[in-house]
Amino acid sequence: MQRNYTITKKIAKHGEQRVIVIPSFLKDELKPKTVVEVRINVIKEAEDER
């Protein structure tokens, strides 16, 4: 059974990497080893952090 979710998130920074944090309410739906498709649509560009 295919389930779809739409989440709007800011990209977080973790050291030199950028991450997307999955909301905790999906933890039971997205168990480890679950295969998902992630599509990224940029809604708003970030300003330079200088």
Protein backbone atom coordinates (compact mmCIF):
# COMPACT_ATOMS: atom_id res chain seq x y z
CA MET A 1 0.00 0.00 0.00
CA GLN A 2 1.53 3.29 -1.08
CA ARG A 3 1.17 6.28 1.26
CA ASN A 4 2.04 9.86 0.37
CA TYR A 5 3.04 12.73 2.64
CA THR A 6 3.92 16.32 1.80
CA ILE A 7 6.23 18.09 4.25
CA THR A 8 7.58 21.64 3.91
CA LYS A 9 10.90 21.97 5.74
CA LYS A 10 13.92 24.23 6.05
CA ILE A 11 17.24 22.57 5.31
CA ALA A 12 19.25 22.20 8.53
CA LYS A 13 23.04 22.24 8.86
CA HIS A 14 24.91 19.42 10.58
CA GLY A 15 28.64 20.10 10.40
CA GLU A 16 29.52 20.36 6.71
CA GLN A 17 26.38 18.49 5.63
CA ARG A 18 22.85 19.70 4.99
CA VAL A 19 19.99 17.58 6.34
CA ILE A 20 16.23 17.34 6.24
CA VAL A 21 14.75 16.26 9.57
CA ILE A 22 11.72 13.98 9.34
CA PRO A 23 8.95 14.92 11.80
CA SER A 24 8.53 12.56 14.74
CA PHE A 25 4.88 11.82 13.92
CA LEU A 26 6.15 9.77 10.95
CA LYS A 27 8.54 7.60 12.99
CA ASP A 28 6.14 4.65 13.01
CA GLU A 29 5.51 4.99 9.26
CA LEU A 30 9.18 5.35 8.26
CA LYS A 31 10.96 2.55 10.03
CA PRO A 32 14.65 1.83 9.35
CA LYS A 33 15.25 0.09 6.00
CA THR A 34 12.01 1.53 4.56
CA VAL A 35 12.63 2.67 0.99
CA VAL A 36 11.18 6.10 0.14
CA GLU A 37 11.33 8.47 -2.82
CA VAL A 38 12.33 12.03 -1.95
CA ARG A 39 11.62 14.91 -4.33
CA ILE A 40 12.96 18.36 -3.58
CA ASN A 41 11.20 21.47 -4.89
CA VAL A 42 12.97 24.70 -3.89
CA ILE A 43 10.28 27.12 -2.72
CA LYS A 44 12.53 29.95 -1.50
CA GLU A 45 16.29 30.40 -1.86
CA ALA A 46 18.23 31.05 1.33
CA GLU A 47 20.18 34.28 1.74
CA ASP A 48 23.99 34.02 1.92
CA GLU A 49 25.20 33.61 5.51
CA ARG A 50 28.03 36.15 5.41
